[in-house]
Amino acid sequence: MALNIIDIAKLAGVSKSTVSRYLNNGYVSVESREKIKKVLEETGFTPQRQAKGMRTKKTNLIGVIVPKISSETPARVVEGITEVLSPNGYDILIANTNLSIEKELEYLNIFKSNQVDGIIFMATKVTDKHIEVIRDLEVPIVVVAQDIEKFPSVYFDEFQATEDITNYLIAKGHKKIGYIGVYEEDKAVGLYRKQAYIETLKNNNIEINYENIKSGDFDEKSGYILTREMMEGEDVPTAIVAVTDNLALGAIEYLIDNDYKVPDDVAVVGMGDSKISRVIRPRLTTVHYHYKTAGRKSAEIILEELDSKIEKNNSVVKKVKLKCLLVERNSV
């Protein structure tokens, strides 16, 4: 016999409304949440099995999955999303994953099992499991910041952005250019920017010192530590490309703490054009990413798919690649 929410509530020893809040990502105490989770795992129950084929009404809700709600980048994307969706009568449900792959998959499944009209997913690392879950969705989805084959995506020209900032340093006379990146599981930031940096040096016949190519986390602390490793090496750089402004900030902090002058001794550039890049001293030369535009474009694609009722297996997949803009300040 098929289970329903009432059955799940009885098995878990909680109320029906508590189960409903759990399934809709509302507030549930830790104790009740664990009870419900255990029952769901034991029974294999998912709301979609119960409701499959019964979805008849629009909810005018769009689920938005972001990697870190406290970060400036998702905030700019969400601002663009709401500018488009709100005038069109849609509200958003924001799910914050805090950079957890498990949370990303969990929220994709939550939105899959509950009635949202579409999903906008700010992706970091995209695994086979992500693809499997996305493929099974019955509502439109748009991926932001990563280009996923066969799915609508709004992403950035990472090669152009990294090439521009690296060429800028070369034009200023730098040949010993270090690199502070992130792990390659994040293809856009970790892999593509690194590939562009290496190719740009090769295209300019500049010898690559792989000892000065570092990878770590996204935060300022990682930038500090990786810069220390680089500057304690045998062949110290005269310039550093950091793939985020936070990493660049960490690099500058290390250099200043150790009596290096920026940019006289070591130039530093970042990527992202965050608010911090405009207030630190020296002000940071960086690359501006049109995150708000990315949010707007992703919302426009969702509306197009909803309005035209595009089938998921339609051969036309909307892709938008956005250019980036070099912002020259005082750190070079």
C-alpha atoms as a PDB file:
ATOM      1  CA  MET A   1       0.000   0.000   0.000  1.00  0.00           C
ATOM      2  CA  ALA A   2       1.330   3.440  -0.914  1.00  0.00           C
ATOM      3  CA  LEU A   3       2.267   5.620   2.028  1.00  0.00           C
ATOM      4  CA  ASN A   4       1.128   9.193   2.466  1.00  0.00           C
ATOM      5  CA  ILE A   5       2.159  12.062   4.710  1.00  0.00           C
ATOM      6  CA  ILE A   6      -0.212  10.927   7.486  1.00  0.00           C
ATOM      7  CA  ASP A   7       1.448   7.496   7.511  1.00  0.00           C
ATOM      8  CA  ILE A   8       4.903   9.073   7.682  1.00  0.00           C
ATOM      9  CA  ALA A   9       3.783  11.269  10.601  1.00  0.00           C
ATOM     10  CA  LYS A  10       2.487   8.241  12.535  1.00  0.00           C
ATOM     11  CA  LEU A  11       5.661   6.225  11.933  1.00  0.00           C
ATOM     12  CA  ALA A  12       7.848   9.144  13.001  1.00  0.00           C
ATOM     13  CA  GLY A  13       5.701  10.031  16.003  1.00  0.00           C
ATOM     14  CA  VAL A  14       5.179  13.612  14.884  1.00  0.00           C
ATOM     15  CA  SER A  15       2.292  15.652  13.547  1.00  0.00           C
ATOM     16  CA  LYS A  16       1.257  15.811   9.896  1.00  0.00           C
ATOM     17  CA  SER A  17       2.086  19.535   9.833  1.00  0.00           C
ATOM     18  CA  THR A  18       5.618  18.796  11.067  1.00  0.00           C
ATOM     19  CA  VAL A  19       6.153  16.364   8.199  1.00  0.00           C
ATOM     20  CA  SER A  20       4.763  18.939   5.772  1.00  0.00           C
ATOM     21  CA  ARG A  21       7.161  21.606   7.066  1.00  0.00           C
ATOM     22  CA  TYR A  22      10.071  19.170   6.753  1.00  0.00           C
ATOM     23  CA  LEU A  23       9.185  18.350   3.151  1.00  0.00           C
ATOM     24  CA  ASN A  24       8.787  22.036   2.335  1.00  0.00           C
ATOM     25  CA  ASN A  25      12.101  22.954   3.991  1.00  0.00           C
ATOM     26  CA  GLY A  26      10.418  24.791   6.847  1.00  0.00           C
ATOM     27  CA  TYR A  27      11.464  24.897  10.491  1.00  0.00           C
ATOM     28  CA  VAL A  28      11.526  21.521  12.243  1.00  0.00           C
ATOM     29  CA  SER A  29      13.392  20.743  15.477  1.00  0.00           C
ATOM     30  CA  VAL A  30      16.548  18.684  15.162  1.00  0.00           C
ATOM     31  CA  GLU A  31      14.945  15.767  17.038  1.00  0.00           C
ATOM     32  CA  SER A  32      11.835  15.674  14.823  1.00  0.00           C
ATOM     33  CA  ARG A  33      13.904  16.177  11.688  1.00  0.00           C
ATOM     34  CA  GLU A  34      16.013  13.113  12.492  1.00  0.00           C
ATOM     35  CA  LYS A  35      12.910  11.010  13.171  1.00  0.00           C
ATOM     36  CA  ILE A  36      11.303  11.991   9.868  1.00  0.00           C
ATOM     37  CA  LYS A  37      14.525  11.537   7.926  1.00  0.00           C
ATOM     38  CA  LYS A  38      14.942   8.036   9.352  1.00  0.00           C
ATOM     39  CA  VAL A  39      11.391   7.025   8.370  1.00  0.00           C
ATOM     40  CA  LEU A  40      11.808   8.436   4.862  1.00  0.00           C
ATOM     41  CA  GLU A  41      15.039   6.503   4.407  1.00  0.00           C
ATOM     42  CA  GLU A  42      13.512   3.276   5.732  1.00  0.00           C
ATOM     43  CA  THR A  43      10.352   3.510   3.630  1.00  0.00           C
ATOM     44  CA  GLY A  44      11.834   5.074   0.499  1.00  0.00           C
ATOM     45  CA  PHE A  45       8.938   7.545   0.515  1.00  0.00           C
ATOM     46  CA  THR A  46       9.148  10.660  -1.649  1.00  0.00           C
ATOM     47  CA  PRO A  47       6.255  13.092  -2.092  1.00  0.00           C
ATOM     48  CA  GLN A  48       6.700  13.013  -5.849  1.00  0.00           C
ATOM     49  CA  ARG A  49       5.757   9.350  -6.025  1.00  0.00           C
ATOM     50  CA  GLN A  50       2.512  10.192  -4.343  1.00  0.00           C
ATOM     51  CA  ALA A  51       1.841  13.280  -6.399  1.00  0.00           C
ATOM     52  CA  LYS A  52       3.260  12.285  -9.771  1.00  0.00           C
ATOM     53  CA  GLY A  53       0.907  13.251 -12.540  1.00  0.00           C
ATOM     54  CA  MET A  54      -1.339  15.264 -10.213  1.00  0.00           C
ATOM     55  CA  ARG A  55       0.449  18.583 -10.665  1.00  0.00           C
ATOM     56  CA  THR A  56      -2.144  20.830 -12.250  1.00  0.00           C
ATOM     57  CA  LYS A  57      -1.739  24.303 -10.777  1.00  0.00           C
ATOM     58  CA  LYS A  58       1.025  26.839 -11.040  1.00  0.00           C
ATOM     59  CA  THR A  59       2.497  27.948  -7.744  1.00  0.00           C
ATOM     60  CA  ASN A  60       4.270  31.031  -9.082  1.00  0.00           C
ATOM     61  CA  LEU A  61       7.306  29.974  -7.061  1.00  0.00           C
ATOM     62  CA  ILE A  62      10.832  29.550  -8.413  1.00  0.00           C
ATOM     63  CA  GLY A  63      13.401  27.662  -6.352  1.00  0.00           C
ATOM     64  CA  VAL A  64      16.828  29.319  -6.264  1.00  0.00           C
ATOM     65  CA  ILE A  65      19.796  27.280  -5.015  1.00  0.00           C
ATOM     66  CA  VAL A  66      22.846  29.345  -4.018  1.00  0.00           C
ATOM     67  CA  PRO A  67      26.276  28.208  -2.746  1.00  0.00           C
ATOM     68  CA  LYS A  68      26.718  30.759   0.057  1.00  0.00           C
ATOM     69  CA  ILE A  69      24.013  33.310   0.774  1.00  0.00           C
ATOM     70  CA  SER A  70      26.388  35.533   2.785  1.00  0.00           C
ATOM     71  CA  SER A  71      28.664  35.957  -0.239  1.00  0.00           C
ATOM     72  CA  GLU A  72      28.365  39.017  -2.438  1.00  0.00           C
ATOM     73  CA  THR A  73      28.236  37.045  -5.697  1.00  0.00           C
ATOM     74  CA  PRO A  74      24.992  35.106  -5.028  1.00  0.00           C
ATOM     75  CA  ALA A  75      23.420  38.279  -3.670  1.00  0.00           C
ATOM     76  CA  ARG A  76      24.072  40.035  -6.987  1.00  0.00           C
ATOM     77  CA  VAL A  77      22.684  37.081  -8.939  1.00  0.00           C
ATOM     78  CA  VAL A  78      19.547  36.916  -6.773  1.00  0.00           C
ATOM     79  CA  GLU A  79      19.025  40.663  -7.196  1.00  0.00           C
ATOM     80  CA  GLY A  80      18.936  40.172 -10.964  1.00  0.00           C
ATOM     81  CA  ILE A  81      16.580  37.200 -10.654  1.00  0.00           C
ATOM     82  CA  THR A  82      14.049  39.082  -8.551  1.00  0.00           C
ATOM     83  CA  GLU A  83      14.145  42.119 -10.845  1.00  0.00           C
ATOM     84  CA  VAL A  84      12.776  39.906 -13.613  1.00  0.00           C
ATOM     85  CA  LEU A  85      10.549  37.496 -11.708  1.00  0.00           C
ATOM     86  CA  SER A  86       8.770  39.880  -9.328  1.00  0.00           C
ATOM     87  CA  PRO A  87       7.119  42.038 -12.024  1.00  0.00           C
ATOM     88  CA  ASN A  88       5.983  38.801 -13.665  1.00  0.00           C
ATOM     89  CA  GLY A  89       4.196  37.603 -10.547  1.00  0.00           C
ATOM     90  CA  TYR A  90       6.753  35.085  -9.299  1.00  0.00           C
ATOM     91  CA  ASP A  91       8.283  34.754  -5.853  1.00  0.00           C
ATOM     92  CA  ILE A  92      11.478  32.855  -5.055  1.00  0.00           C
ATOM     93  CA  LEU A  93      12.420  30.252  -2.471  1.00  0.00           C
ATOM     94  CA  ILE A  94      16.134  30.511  -1.654  1.00  0.00           C
ATOM     95  CA  ALA A  95      18.064  27.422  -0.580  1.00  0.00           C
ATOM     96  CA  ASN A  96      21.557  28.037   0.824  1.00  0.00           C
ATOM     97  CA  THR A  97      23.948  25.086   0.419  1.00  0.00           C
ATOM     98  CA  ASN A  98      26.951  26.619   2.200  1.00  0.00           C
ATOM     99  CA  LEU A  99      29.203  25.099  -0.496  1.00  0.00           C
ATOM    100  CA  SER A 100      28.023  21.559   0.302  1.00  0.00           C
ATOM    101  CA  ILE A 101      27.492  19.140  -2.593  1.00  0.00           C
ATOM    102  CA  GLU A 102      25.239  17.044  -0.371  1.00  0.00           C
ATOM    103  CA  LYS A 103      23.058  20.084   0.335  1.00  0.00           C
ATOM    104  CA  GLU A 104      22.901  20.924  -3.368  1.00  0.00           C
ATOM    105  CA  LEU A 105      21.581  17.451  -4.126  1.00  0.00           C
ATOM    106  CA  GLU A 106      19.223  17.589  -1.150  1.00  0.00           C
ATOM    107  CA  TYR A 107      17.698  20.891  -2.252  1.00  0.00           C
ATOM    108  CA  LEU A 108      17.387  19.735  -5.860  1.00  0.00           C
ATOM    109  CA  ASN A 109      15.414  16.759  -4.570  1.00  0.00           C
ATOM    110  CA  ILE A 110      13.328  18.942  -2.249  1.00  0.00           C
ATOM    111  CA  PHE A 111      12.382  21.241  -5.126  1.00  0.00           C
ATOM    112  CA  LYS A 112      11.832  18.196  -7.327  1.00  0.00           C
ATOM    113  CA  SER A 113       9.392  16.802  -4.773  1.00  0.00           C
ATOM    114  CA  ASN A 114       7.557  20.046  -4.068  1.00  0.00           C
ATOM    115  CA  GLN A 115       5.612  22.336  -6.288  1.00  0.00           C
ATOM    116  CA  VAL A 116       7.878  24.991  -7.702  1.00  0.00           C
ATOM    117  CA  ASP A 117       7.404  26.062 -11.296  1.00  0.00           C
ATOM    118  CA  GLY A 118      11.126  26.175 -12.067  1.00  0.00           C
ATOM    119  CA  ILE A 119      14.608  26.073 -10.558  1.00  0.00           C
ATOM    120  CA  ILE A 120      17.630  28.373 -10.894  1.00  0.00           C
ATOM    121  CA  PHE A 121      20.772  26.614  -9.694  1.00  0.00           C
ATOM    122  CA  MET A 122      24.026  28.453  -8.964  1.00  0.00           C
ATOM    123  CA  ALA A 123      26.388  25.528  -9.396  1.00  0.00           C
ATOM    124  CA  THR A 124      29.938  25.062  -8.137  1.00  0.00           C
ATOM    125  CA  LYS A 125      30.925  21.429  -8.584  1.00  0.00           C
ATOM    126  CA  VAL A 126      28.771  19.387 -10.954  1.00  0.00           C
ATOM    127  CA  THR A 127      28.896  15.624 -10.431  1.00  0.00           C
ATOM    128  CA  ASP A 128      27.261  12.703 -12.223  1.00  0.00           C
ATOM    129  CA  LYS A 129      24.724  12.641  -9.392  1.00  0.00           C
ATOM    130  CA  HIS A 130      23.810  16.261 -10.112  1.00  0.00           C
ATOM    131  CA  ILE A 131      23.209  15.385 -13.764  1.00  0.00           C
ATOM    132  CA  GLU A 132      21.082  12.402 -12.783  1.00  0.00           C
ATOM    133  CA  VAL A 133      18.863  14.473 -10.490  1.00  0.00           C
ATOM    134  CA  ILE A 134      18.571  17.357 -12.962  1.00  0.00           C
ATOM    135  CA  ARG A 135      17.664  14.969 -15.769  1.00  0.00           C
ATOM    136  CA  ASP A 136      14.736  13.651 -13.707  1.00  0.00           C
ATOM    137  CA  LEU A 137      13.254  17.088 -13.024  1.00  0.00           C
ATOM    138  CA  GLU A 138       9.763  17.751 -14.354  1.00  0.00           C
ATOM    139  CA  VAL A 139      10.148  21.536 -14.240  1.00  0.00           C
ATOM    140  CA  PRO A 140      12.498  23.864 -16.138  1.00  0.00           C
ATOM    141  CA  ILE A 141      15.945  24.445 -14.658  1.00  0.00           C
ATOM    142  CA  VAL A 142      18.634  26.986 -15.522  1.00  0.00           C
ATOM    143  CA  VAL A 143      22.204  26.543 -14.298  1.00  0.00           C
ATOM    144  CA  VAL A 144      24.185  29.689 -13.460  1.00  0.00           C
ATOM    145  CA  ALA A 145      28.016  29.966 -13.490  1.00  0.00           C
ATOM    146  CA  GLN A 146      28.669  26.535 -15.029  1.00  0.00           C
ATOM    147  CA  ASP A 147      28.011  25.347 -18.584  1.00  0.00           C
ATOM    148  CA  ILE A 148      26.317  21.957 -18.300  1.00  0.00           C
ATOM    149  CA  GLU A 149      25.809  20.116 -21.558  1.00  0.00           C
ATOM    150  CA  LYS A 150      22.183  19.579 -22.624  1.00  0.00           C
ATOM    151  CA  PHE A 151      20.785  21.953 -19.968  1.00  0.00           C
ATOM    152  CA  PRO A 152      20.053  25.699 -20.159  1.00  0.00           C
ATOM    153  CA  SER A 153      22.996  27.604 -18.707  1.00  0.00           C
ATOM    154  CA  VAL A 154      24.112  31.172 -18.065  1.00  0.00           C
ATOM    155  CA  TYR A 155      27.858  31.305 -17.601  1.00  0.00           C
ATOM    156  CA  PHE A 156      30.910  33.506 -18.067  1.00  0.00           C
ATOM    157  CA  ASP A 157      33.714  33.572 -20.607  1.00  0.00           C
ATOM    158  CA  GLU A 158      36.314  32.407 -18.114  1.00  0.00           C
ATOM    159  CA  PHE A 159      39.037  32.138 -20.742  1.00  0.00           C
ATOM    160  CA  GLN A 160      38.570  35.725 -21.886  1.00  0.00           C
ATOM    161  CA  ALA A 161      38.493  37.031 -18.308  1.00  0.00           C
ATOM    162  CA  THR A 162      41.675  35.242 -17.237  1.00  0.00           C
ATOM    163  CA  GLU A 163      43.456  35.948 -20.506  1.00  0.00           C
ATOM    164  CA  ASP A 164      42.711  39.668 -20.197  1.00  0.00           C
ATOM    165  CA  ILE A 165      43.997  39.985 -16.629  1.00  0.00           C
ATOM    166  CA  THR A 166      47.127  37.916 -17.352  1.00  0.00           C
ATOM    167  CA  ASN A 167      47.903  39.841 -20.540  1.00  0.00           C
ATOM    168  CA  TYR A 168      47.492  43.045 -18.553  1.00  0.00           C
ATOM    169  CA  LEU A 169      50.294  41.969 -16.211  1.00  0.00           C
ATOM    170  CA  ILE A 170      52.471  40.930 -19.139  1.00  0.00           C
ATOM    171  CA  ALA A 171      51.917  44.316 -20.788  1.00  0.00           C
ATOM    172  CA  LYS A 172      53.143  45.928 -17.557  1.00  0.00           C
ATOM    173  CA  GLY A 173      56.423  44.050 -17.959  1.00  0.00           C
ATOM    174  CA  HIS A 174      55.854  41.068 -15.659  1.00  0.00           C
ATOM    175  CA  LYS A 175      57.249  37.685 -16.660  1.00  0.00           C
ATOM    176  CA  LYS A 176      57.312  35.923 -13.290  1.00  0.00           C
ATOM    177  CA  ILE A 177      53.586  35.636 -12.680  1.00  0.00           C
ATOM    178  CA  GLY A 178      52.303  33.364  -9.916  1.00  0.00           C
ATOM    179  CA  TYR A 179      48.799  31.928  -9.769  1.00  0.00           C
ATOM    180  CA  ILE A 180      46.466  31.323  -6.812  1.00  0.00           C
ATOM    181  CA  GLY A 181      43.452  29.237  -7.763  1.00  0.00           C
ATOM    182  CA  VAL A 182      40.849  26.882  -6.336  1.00  0.00           C
ATOM    183  CA  TYR A 183      40.335  23.165  -6.698  1.00  0.00           C
ATOM    184  CA  GLU A 184      39.488  21.958 -10.200  1.00  0.00           C
ATOM    185  CA  GLU A 185      36.220  20.276  -9.192  1.00  0.00           C
ATOM    186  CA  ASP A 186      34.781  23.745  -9.766  1.00  0.00           C
ATOM    187  CA  LYS A 187      35.323  23.710 -13.512  1.00  0.00           C
ATOM    188  CA  ALA A 188      34.594  27.375 -14.179  1.00  0.00           C
ATOM    189  CA  VAL A 189      36.755  28.919 -11.460  1.00  0.00           C
ATOM    190  CA  GLY A 190      39.169  26.084 -10.719  1.00  0.00           C
ATOM    191  CA  LEU A 191      39.854  24.476 -14.086  1.00  0.00           C
ATOM    192  CA  TYR A 192      39.037  26.918 -16.896  1.00  0.00           C
ATOM    193  CA  ARG A 193      40.756  29.926 -15.305  1.00  0.00           C
ATOM    194  CA  LYS A 194      43.883  27.864 -14.662  1.00  0.00           C
ATOM    195  CA  GLN A 195      43.912  26.588 -18.243  1.00  0.00           C
ATOM    196  CA  ALA A 196      43.520  30.131 -19.565  1.00  0.00           C
ATOM    197  CA  TYR A 197      46.364  31.421 -17.373  1.00  0.00           C
ATOM    198  CA  ILE A 198      48.750  28.687 -18.568  1.00  0.00           C
ATOM    199  CA  GLU A 199      47.790  29.099 -22.221  1.00  0.00           C
ATOM    200  CA  THR A 200      48.210  32.880 -22.043  1.00  0.00           C
ATOM    201  CA  LEU A 201      51.747  32.513 -20.685  1.00  0.00           C
ATOM    202  CA  LYS A 202      52.555  29.990 -23.416  1.00  0.00           C
ATOM    203  CA  ASN A 203      51.152  32.286 -26.102  1.00  0.00           C
ATOM    204  CA  ASN A 204      53.510  35.003 -24.864  1.00  0.00           C
ATOM    205  CA  ASN A 205      56.523  32.646 -24.744  1.00  0.00           C
ATOM    206  CA  ILE A 206      56.819  33.050 -20.985  1.00  0.00           C
ATOM    207  CA  GLU A 207      58.304  30.159 -19.046  1.00  0.00           C
ATOM    208  CA  ILE A 208      55.824  28.584 -16.636  1.00  0.00           C
ATOM    209  CA  ASN A 209      56.983  27.859 -13.103  1.00  0.00           C
ATOM    210  CA  TYR A 210      54.547  25.189 -11.943  1.00  0.00           C
ATOM    211  CA  GLU A 211      55.820  25.593  -8.375  1.00  0.00           C
ATOM    212  CA  ASN A 212      54.112  28.982  -8.391  1.00  0.00           C
ATOM    213  CA  ILE A 213      50.732  27.593  -9.443  1.00  0.00           C
ATOM    214  CA  LYS A 214      48.779  27.042  -6.217  1.00  0.00           C
ATOM    215  CA  SER A 215      45.262  25.794  -5.491  1.00  0.00           C
ATOM    216  CA  GLY A 216      43.130  25.889  -2.356  1.00  0.00           C
ATOM    217  CA  ASP A 217      39.818  27.119  -0.995  1.00  0.00           C
ATOM    218  CA  PHE A 218      37.975  30.295  -1.937  1.00  0.00           C
ATOM    219  CA  ASP A 219      38.614  32.267   1.226  1.00  0.00           C
ATOM    220  CA  GLU A 220      41.043  34.974   2.265  1.00  0.00           C
ATOM    221  CA  LYS A 221      42.928  32.591   4.577  1.00  0.00           C
ATOM    222  CA  SER A 222      43.744  30.325   1.642  1.00  0.00           C
ATOM    223  CA  GLY A 223      45.091  33.308  -0.301  1.00  0.00           C
ATOM    224  CA  TYR A 224      47.341  34.194   2.619  1.00  0.00           C
ATOM    225  CA  ILE A 225      48.714  30.658   3.040  1.00  0.00           C
ATOM    226  CA  LEU A 226      49.267  30.025  -0.674  1.00  0.00           C
ATOM    227  CA  THR A 227      51.053  33.353  -1.097  1.00  0.00           C
ATOM    228  CA  ARG A 228      53.344  32.479   1.798  1.00  0.00           C
ATOM    229  CA  GLU A 229      54.200  29.162   0.120  1.00  0.00           C
ATOM    230  CA  MET A 230      54.937  30.983  -3.116  1.00  0.00           C
ATOM    231  CA  MET A 231      57.059  33.735  -1.583  1.00  0.00           C
ATOM    232  CA  GLU A 232      59.086  31.241   0.459  1.00  0.00           C
ATOM    233  CA  GLY A 233      60.049  29.391  -2.735  1.00  0.00           C
ATOM    234  CA  GLU A 234      63.238  29.753  -4.732  1.00  0.00           C
ATOM    235  CA  ASP A 235      61.775  31.716  -7.657  1.00  0.00           C
ATOM    236  CA  VAL A 236      59.471  34.373  -6.232  1.00  0.00           C
ATOM    237  CA  PRO A 237      56.997  36.075  -8.593  1.00  0.00           C
ATOM    238  CA  THR A 238      56.786  39.777  -9.331  1.00  0.00           C
ATOM    239  CA  ALA A 239      53.034  39.489  -9.868  1.00  0.00           C
ATOM    240  CA  ILE A 240      50.204  37.217  -8.702  1.00  0.00           C
ATOM    241  CA  VAL A 241      46.940  36.315 -10.419  1.00  0.00           C
ATOM    242  CA  ALA A 242      44.309  35.379  -7.826  1.00  0.00           C
ATOM    243  CA  VAL A 243      41.121  33.848  -9.224  1.00  0.00           C
ATOM    244  CA  THR A 244      38.889  35.595  -6.666  1.00  0.00           C
ATOM    245  CA  ASP A 245      39.083  38.951  -4.944  1.00  0.00           C
ATOM    246  CA  ASN A 246      39.081  37.235  -1.540  1.00  0.00           C
ATOM    247  CA  LEU A 247      42.156  35.235  -2.515  1.00  0.00           C
ATOM    248  CA  ALA A 248      43.779  38.452  -3.736  1.00  0.00           C
ATOM    249  CA  LEU A 249      42.977  40.114  -0.413  1.00  0.00           C
ATOM    250  CA  GLY A 250      44.685  37.260   1.424  1.00  0.00           C
ATOM    251  CA  ALA A 251      47.702  37.609  -0.859  1.00  0.00           C
ATOM    252  CA  ILE A 252      47.961  41.342  -0.197  1.00  0.00           C
ATOM    253  CA  GLU A 253      47.644  40.797   3.556  1.00  0.00           C
ATOM    254  CA  TYR A 254      50.538  38.334   3.537  1.00  0.00           C
ATOM    255  CA  LEU A 255      52.709  40.642   1.439  1.00  0.00           C
ATOM    256  CA  ILE A 256      52.062  43.662   3.663  1.00  0.00           C
ATOM    257  CA  ASP A 257      52.600  41.609   6.831  1.00  0.00           C
ATOM    258  CA  ASN A 258      56.005  40.601   5.480  1.00  0.00           C
ATOM    259  CA  ASP A 259      57.158  44.060   4.392  1.00  0.00           C
ATOM    260  CA  TYR A 260      56.530  43.693   0.667  1.00  0.00           C
ATOM    261  CA  LYS A 261      55.160  46.749  -1.087  1.00  0.00           C
ATOM    262  CA  VAL A 262      52.160  46.280  -3.389  1.00  0.00           C
ATOM    263  CA  PRO A 263      52.542  46.907  -6.280  1.00  0.00           C
ATOM    264  CA  ASP A 264      56.192  48.052  -6.164  1.00  0.00           C
ATOM    265  CA  ASP A 265      57.593  44.682  -5.068  1.00  0.00           C
ATOM    266  CA  VAL A 266      54.740  42.388  -6.075  1.00  0.00           C
ATOM    267  CA  ALA A 267      51.653  43.247  -8.128  1.00  0.00           C
ATOM    268  CA  VAL A 268      48.377  41.483  -7.297  1.00  0.00           C
ATOM    269  CA  VAL A 269      45.199  41.130  -9.364  1.00  0.00           C
ATOM    270  CA  GLY A 270      41.892  39.497  -8.492  1.00  0.00           C
ATOM    271  CA  MET A 271      38.714  38.439 -10.253  1.00  0.00           C
ATOM    272  CA  GLY A 272      35.115  39.319  -9.400  1.00  0.00           C
ATOM    273  CA  ASP A 273      35.125  43.079  -8.734  1.00  0.00           C
ATOM    274  CA  SER A 274      33.630  42.661  -5.274  1.00  0.00           C
ATOM    275  CA  LYS A 275      33.042  45.600  -2.952  1.00  0.00           C
ATOM    276  CA  ILE A 276      36.215  44.757  -1.046  1.00  0.00           C
ATOM    277  CA  SER A 277      38.265  45.327  -4.201  1.00  0.00           C
ATOM    278  CA  ARG A 278      37.264  48.995  -4.145  1.00  0.00           C
ATOM    279  CA  VAL A 279      37.951  49.701  -0.478  1.00  0.00           C
ATOM    280  CA  ILE A 280      41.212  47.856   0.258  1.00  0.00           C
ATOM    281  CA  ARG A 281      44.491  49.709  -0.172  1.00  0.00           C
ATOM    282  CA  PRO A 282      45.904  49.558  -2.704  1.00  0.00           C
ATOM    283  CA  ARG A 283      42.611  49.299  -4.537  1.00  0.00           C
ATOM    284  CA  LEU A 284      42.520  46.030  -6.444  1.00  0.00           C
ATOM    285  CA  THR A 285      42.864  45.643 -10.196  1.00  0.00           C
ATOM    286  CA  THR A 286      40.344  42.940 -11.030  1.00  0.00           C
ATOM    287  CA  VAL A 287      37.801  41.622 -13.539  1.00  0.00           C
ATOM    288  CA  HIS A 288      34.158  42.619 -13.327  1.00  0.00           C
ATOM    289  CA  TYR A 289      31.681  39.749 -13.681  1.00  0.00           C
ATOM    290  CA  HIS A 290      28.138  40.750 -14.593  1.00  0.00           C
ATOM    291  CA  TYR A 291      26.506  38.634 -11.884  1.00  0.00           C
ATOM    292  CA  LYS A 292      23.327  40.682 -11.765  1.00  0.00           C
ATOM    293  CA  THR A 293      22.971  40.296 -15.532  1.00  0.00           C
ATOM    294  CA  ALA A 294      23.468  36.543 -15.120  1.00  0.00           C
ATOM    295  CA  GLY A 295      20.584  36.508 -12.662  1.00  0.00           C
ATOM    296  CA  ARG A 296      18.374  38.448 -15.036  1.00  0.00           C
ATOM    297  CA  LYS A 297      19.220  36.185 -17.976  1.00  0.00           C
ATOM    298  CA  SER A 298      18.541  33.027 -15.965  1.00  0.00           C
ATOM    299  CA  ALA A 299      15.143  34.355 -14.896  1.00  0.00           C
ATOM    300  CA  GLU A 300      14.293  35.337 -18.470  1.00  0.00           C
ATOM    301  CA  ILE A 301      15.073  31.806 -19.667  1.00  0.00           C
ATOM    302  CA  ILE A 302      12.862  30.302 -16.950  1.00  0.00           C
ATOM    303  CA  LEU A 303       9.999  32.584 -17.976  1.00  0.00           C
ATOM    304  CA  GLU A 304      10.491  31.732 -21.650  1.00  0.00           C
ATOM    305  CA  GLU A 305      10.301  28.024 -20.899  1.00  0.00           C
ATOM    306  CA  LEU A 306       7.253  28.426 -18.690  1.00  0.00           C
ATOM    307  CA  ASP A 307       5.435  30.679 -21.143  1.00  0.00           C
ATOM    308  CA  SER A 308       6.122  28.564 -24.209  1.00  0.00           C
ATOM    309  CA  LYS A 309       5.833  25.247 -22.360  1.00  0.00           C
ATOM    310  CA  ILE A 310       9.089  24.004 -23.866  1.00  0.00           C
ATOM    311  CA  GLU A 311       9.404  20.260 -23.411  1.00  0.00           C
ATOM    312  CA  LYS A 312      12.457  19.048 -21.489  1.00  0.00           C
ATOM    313  CA  ASN A 313      13.667  16.920 -24.406  1.00  0.00           C
ATOM    314  CA  ASN A 314      13.460  19.814 -26.857  1.00  0.00           C
ATOM    315  CA  SER A 315      16.556  19.896 -29.059  1.00  0.00           C
ATOM    316  CA  VAL A 316      17.041  23.649 -28.538  1.00  0.00           C
ATOM    317  CA  VAL A 317      18.902  24.337 -25.289  1.00  0.00           C
ATOM    318  CA  LYS A 318      19.343  28.004 -24.382  1.00  0.00           C
ATOM    319  CA  LYS A 319      22.918  29.013 -23.544  1.00  0.00           C
ATOM    320  CA  VAL A 320      24.115  32.491 -22.595  1.00  0.00           C
ATOM    321  CA  LYS A 321      27.850  33.228 -22.270  1.00  0.00           C
ATOM    322  CA  LEU A 322      28.663  36.598 -20.728  1.00  0.00           C
ATOM    323  CA  LYS A 323      31.825  38.604 -21.332  1.00  0.00           C
ATOM    324  CA  CYS A 324      33.779  40.126 -18.441  1.00  0.00           C
ATOM    325  CA  LEU A 325      35.403  43.543 -18.038  1.00  0.00           C
ATOM    326  CA  LEU A 326      38.932  44.385 -16.871  1.00  0.00           C
ATOM    327  CA  VAL A 327      38.896  47.000 -14.092  1.00  0.00           C
ATOM    328  CA  GLU A 328      42.222  48.823 -13.664  1.00  0.00           C
ATOM    329  CA  ARG A 329      43.021  50.183 -10.210  1.00  0.00           C
ATOM    330  CA  ASN A 330      46.182  50.542  -8.108  1.00  0.00           C
ATOM    331  CA  SER A 331      47.498  47.065  -7.263  1.00  0.00           C
ATOM    332  CA  VAL A 332      49.643  46.748 -10.420  1.00  0.00           C
END
